C-alpha atoms as a PDB file:
ATOM      1  CA  MET A   1       0.000   0.000   0.000  1.00  0.00           C
ATOM      2  CA  TYR A   2       2.867   2.363   0.801  1.00  0.00           C
ATOM      3  CA  LEU A   3       4.356   1.971  -2.689  1.00  0.00           C
ATOM      4  CA  ILE A   4       0.968   2.537  -4.306  1.00  0.00           C
ATOM      5  CA  ALA A   5       0.492   5.749  -2.302  1.00  0.00           C
ATOM      6  CA  LYS A   6       4.029   6.859  -3.137  1.00  0.00           C
ATOM      7  CA  GLU A   7       3.423   6.332  -6.862  1.00  0.00           C
ATOM      8  CA  PHE A   8       0.098   8.177  -6.784  1.00  0.00           C
ATOM      9  CA  ILE A   9       1.563  11.142  -4.884  1.00  0.00           C
ATOM     10  CA  ASN A  10       4.603  11.300  -7.159  1.00  0.00           C
ATOM     11  CA  ASN A  11       2.376  11.321 -10.257  1.00  0.00           C
ATOM     12  CA  SER A  12       0.065  13.937  -8.741  1.00  0.00           C
ATOM     13  CA  LEU A  13       2.951  16.267  -7.997  1.00  0.00           C
ATOM     14  CA  LYS A  14       4.733  15.632 -11.292  1.00  0.00           C
ATOM     15  CA  TYR A  15       1.827  15.757 -13.751  1.00  0.00           C
ATOM     16  CA  ALA A  16      -1.432  16.943 -12.171  1.00  0.00           C
ATOM     17  CA  ASN A  17      -0.606  20.501 -11.088  1.00  0.00           C
ATOM     18  CA  CYS A  18      -2.699  19.767  -8.014  1.00  0.00           C
ATOM     19  CA  GLN A  19      -3.095  21.959  -4.945  1.00  0.00           C
ATOM     20  CA  GLN A  20      -4.257  19.211  -2.595  1.00  0.00           C
ATOM     21  CA  ILE A  21      -3.900  15.475  -2.148  1.00  0.00           C
ATOM     22  CA  ARG A  22      -6.228  13.757   0.292  1.00  0.00           C
ATOM     23  CA  MET A  23      -5.650  10.280   1.688  1.00  0.00           C
ATOM     24  CA  ASP A  24      -7.970   8.237   3.916  1.00  0.00           C
ATOM     25  CA  ILE A  25      -7.307   4.819   5.395  1.00  0.00           C
ATOM     26  CA  PHE A  26      -9.886   3.072   7.513  1.00  0.00           C
ATOM     27  CA  LYS A  27     -11.118  -0.331   8.578  1.00  0.00           C
ATOM     28  CA  LYS A  28     -14.748  -1.374   8.567  1.00  0.00           C
ATOM     29  CA  SER A  29     -15.676  -4.874   9.688  1.00  0.00           C
ATOM     30  CA  ASP A  30     -13.099  -7.147   8.099  1.00  0.00           C
ATOM     31  CA  HIS A  31     -12.134  -4.820   5.222  1.00  0.00           C
ATOM     32  CA  ILE A  32      -9.444  -2.185   4.913  1.00  0.00           C
ATOM     33  CA  TYR A  33     -10.175   0.806   2.679  1.00  0.00           C
ATOM     34  CA  PHE A  34      -7.608   3.150   1.185  1.00  0.00           C
ATOM     35  CA  HIS A  35      -8.682   6.242  -0.757  1.00  0.00           C
ATOM     36  CA  ILE A  36      -6.389   8.843  -2.255  1.00  0.00           C
ATOM     37  CA  GLN A  37      -7.321  11.698  -4.560  1.00  0.00           C
ATOM     38  CA  ASP A  38      -5.939  14.899  -5.995  1.00  0.00           C
ATOM     39  CA  ASP A  39      -7.594  18.043  -7.289  1.00  0.00           C
ATOM     40  CA  GLY A  40      -5.354  18.257 -10.331  1.00  0.00           C
ATOM     41  CA  ILE A  41      -5.979  18.597 -14.033  1.00  0.00           C
ATOM     42  CA  GLY A  42      -6.942  14.947 -14.484  1.00  0.00           C
ATOM     43  CA  PHE A  43      -6.613  13.020 -17.720  1.00  0.00           C
ATOM     44  CA  ASP A  44      -8.536  10.776 -20.082  1.00  0.00           C
ATOM     45  CA  LEU A  45      -7.845   7.154 -19.095  1.00  0.00           C
ATOM     46  CA  SER A  46      -8.545   5.984 -22.628  1.00  0.00           C
ATOM     47  CA  HIS A  47      -5.646   8.097 -23.874  1.00  0.00           C
ATOM     48  CA  ILE A  48      -2.659   8.312 -21.538  1.00  0.00           C
ATOM     49  CA  PRO A  49      -0.196  10.851 -22.976  1.00  0.00           C
ATOM     50  CA  SER A  50       3.170   9.371 -23.963  1.00  0.00           C
ATOM     51  CA  SER A  51       4.829  11.905 -21.653  1.00  0.00           C
ATOM     52  CA  MET A  52       3.146  10.093 -18.752  1.00  0.00           C
ATOM     53  CA  GLY A  53       4.287   6.674 -19.919  1.00  0.00           C
ATOM     54  CA  GLY A  54       1.574   4.670 -18.146  1.00  0.00           C
ATOM     55  CA  THR A  55       3.987   2.494 -16.177  1.00  0.00           C
ATOM     56  CA  GLY A  56       2.993   4.099 -12.866  1.00  0.00           C
ATOM     57  CA  LEU A  57      -0.624   3.064 -13.309  1.00  0.00           C
ATOM     58  CA  LYS A  58       0.476  -0.428 -14.349  1.00  0.00           C
ATOM     59  CA  ASN A  59       2.721  -0.713 -11.283  1.00  0.00           C
ATOM     60  CA  MET A  60      -0.055   0.428  -8.936  1.00  0.00           C
ATOM     61  CA  ARG A  61      -2.431  -2.128 -10.439  1.00  0.00           C
ATOM     62  CA  GLN A  62       0.159  -4.925 -10.076  1.00  0.00           C
ATOM     63  CA  ARG A  63       0.844  -3.996  -6.453  1.00  0.00           C
ATOM     64  CA  ALA A  64      -2.889  -3.966  -5.713  1.00  0.00           C
ATOM     65  CA  ASN A  65      -3.168  -7.442  -7.231  1.00  0.00           C
ATOM     66  CA  PHE A  66      -0.276  -8.583  -5.036  1.00  0.00           C
ATOM     67  CA  ILE A  67      -2.164  -7.643  -1.862  1.00  0.00           C
ATOM     68  CA  LYS A  68      -5.423  -8.968  -3.375  1.00  0.00           C
ATOM     69  CA  ALA A  69      -7.068  -5.545  -3.300  1.00  0.00           C
ATOM     70  CA  GLN A  70      -9.950  -4.336  -5.404  1.00  0.00           C
ATOM     71  CA  PHE A  71      -8.559  -1.531  -7.546  1.00  0.00           C
ATOM     72  CA  ASN A  72     -10.707   1.401  -8.679  1.00  0.00           C
ATOM     73  CA  PHE A  73      -8.786   4.169 -10.447  1.00  0.00           C
ATOM     74  CA  GLN A  74     -10.534   7.077 -12.110  1.00  0.00           C
ATOM     75  CA  SER A  75      -9.510  10.396 -13.561  1.00  0.00           C
ATOM     76  CA  LYS A  76     -11.531  13.156 -15.145  1.00  0.00           C
ATOM     77  CA  VAL A  77     -10.126  16.081 -17.092  1.00  0.00           C
ATOM     78  CA  GLY A  78     -10.498  19.277 -15.094  1.00  0.00           C
ATOM     79  CA  VAL A  79     -11.597  17.467 -11.920  1.00  0.00           C
ATOM     80  CA  GLY A  80      -8.717  15.304 -10.735  1.00  0.00           C
ATOM     81  CA  THR A  81      -7.756  11.713 -10.112  1.00  0.00           C
ATOM     82  CA  TYR A  82      -8.661   9.239  -7.403  1.00  0.00           C
ATOM     83  CA  LEU A  83      -7.821   5.726  -6.379  1.00  0.00           C
ATOM     84  CA  HIS A  84      -9.863   3.492  -4.105  1.00  0.00           C
ATOM     85  CA  LEU A  85      -8.494   0.191  -2.822  1.00  0.00           C
ATOM     86  CA  SER A  86     -10.179  -2.306  -0.533  1.00  0.00           C
ATOM     87  CA  TRP A  87      -9.141  -5.705   0.683  1.00  0.00           C
ATOM     88  CA  ASN A  88      -9.900  -8.263   3.394  1.00  0.00           C
ATOM     89  CA  ASP A  89      -7.989  -7.894   6.611  1.00  0.00           C
ATOM     90  CA  THR A  90      -6.437 -11.329   6.933  1.00  0.00           C
ATOM     91  CA  LYS A  91      -4.720 -10.523  10.230  1.00  0.00           C
ATOM     92  CA  LYS A  92      -6.671 -12.176  13.024  1.00  0.00           C
ATOM     93  CA  SER A  93      -6.366 -10.890  16.596  1.00  0.00           C
END
């Protein structure tokens, strides 16, 4: 999760011209939820500019798969970008 957050924040600062990045982490029942969003320029997911490469998004998706998290990534031009992850908390007390 740390590496996913690091990638998102790096991309937000490098490409999004954002003013704010918000991150929430919480646990509800047996699920952990991680939400991060920026208020940047956003982009069209169907056309990732070559200057952005697209490897960051691929890496975040692979890392989410590694921890067996549901991955919901969205971006909208002029609005910003957000990422929601959720996964089962397998740690038993």
